[in-house]
Amino acid sequence: MTAVGRMFFQILGAIAEFEHALLSERTRDGLAAAKTATTSSSSLLRWSRR
């Protein structure tokens, strides 16, 4: 493998790692938002049933 080929694959690997980190961050944020929304919705439902 040539030096240019190694550099190319290292750059692709770095981009893939960056994409994975972004996806993980968005997933974590989405789960936290869903948990907050569910908690507030269920408390509203609990009060509206009385």
Protein backbone atom coordinates (compact mmCIF):
# COMPACT_ATOMS: atom_id res chain seq x y z
CA MET A 1 0.00 0.00 0.00
CA THR A 2 1.31 3.42 -0.85
CA ALA A 3 1.62 6.38 1.50
CA VAL A 4 -1.24 8.12 -0.29
CA GLY A 5 -3.45 5.04 0.10
CA ARG A 6 -2.72 4.85 3.84
CA MET A 7 -3.47 8.55 4.24
CA PHE A 8 -6.74 8.16 2.32
CA PHE A 9 -7.93 5.31 4.56
CA GLN A 10 -6.89 7.18 7.71
CA ILE A 11 -8.94 10.18 6.61
CA LEU A 12 -11.92 7.94 5.84
CA GLY A 13 -11.55 6.31 9.25
CA ALA A 14 -11.45 9.69 10.98
CA ILE A 15 -14.60 10.82 9.15
CA ALA A 16 -16.38 7.58 10.06
CA GLU A 17 -15.39 8.00 13.71
CA PHE A 18 -16.69 11.60 13.66
CA GLU A 19 -20.01 10.48 12.12
CA HIS A 20 -20.37 7.77 14.76
CA ALA A 21 -19.77 10.28 17.56
CA LEU A 22 -22.39 12.63 16.10
CA LEU A 23 -24.92 9.81 15.79
CA SER A 24 -24.31 8.70 19.37
CA GLU A 25 -24.68 12.25 20.64
CA ARG A 26 -27.93 12.80 18.75
CA THR A 27 -29.30 9.48 20.00
CA ARG A 28 -28.44 10.35 23.61
CA ASP A 29 -30.05 13.80 23.25
CA GLY A 30 -33.16 12.31 21.65
CA LEU A 31 -33.57 9.72 24.38
CA ALA A 32 -33.20 12.39 27.06
CA ALA A 33 -35.79 14.59 25.32
CA ALA A 34 -38.20 11.66 24.96
CA LYS A 35 -37.77 10.76 28.61
CA THR A 36 -38.49 14.35 29.64
CA ALA A 37 -41.53 14.54 27.35
CA THR A 38 -42.89 11.24 28.64
CA THR A 39 -42.41 12.26 32.25
CA SER A 40 -44.19 15.57 31.79
CA SER A 41 -46.99 13.98 29.72
CA SER A 42 -47.65 11.26 32.24
CA SER A 43 -47.81 13.79 35.07
CA LEU A 44 -50.33 15.83 33.05
CA LEU A 45 -52.42 12.72 32.40
CA ARG A 46 -52.31 11.80 36.05
CA TRP A 47 -53.72 15.19 37.04
CA SER A 48 -56.35 15.24 34.28
CA ARG A 49 -57.90 11.91 35.38
CA ARG A 50 -58.90 13.20 38.81
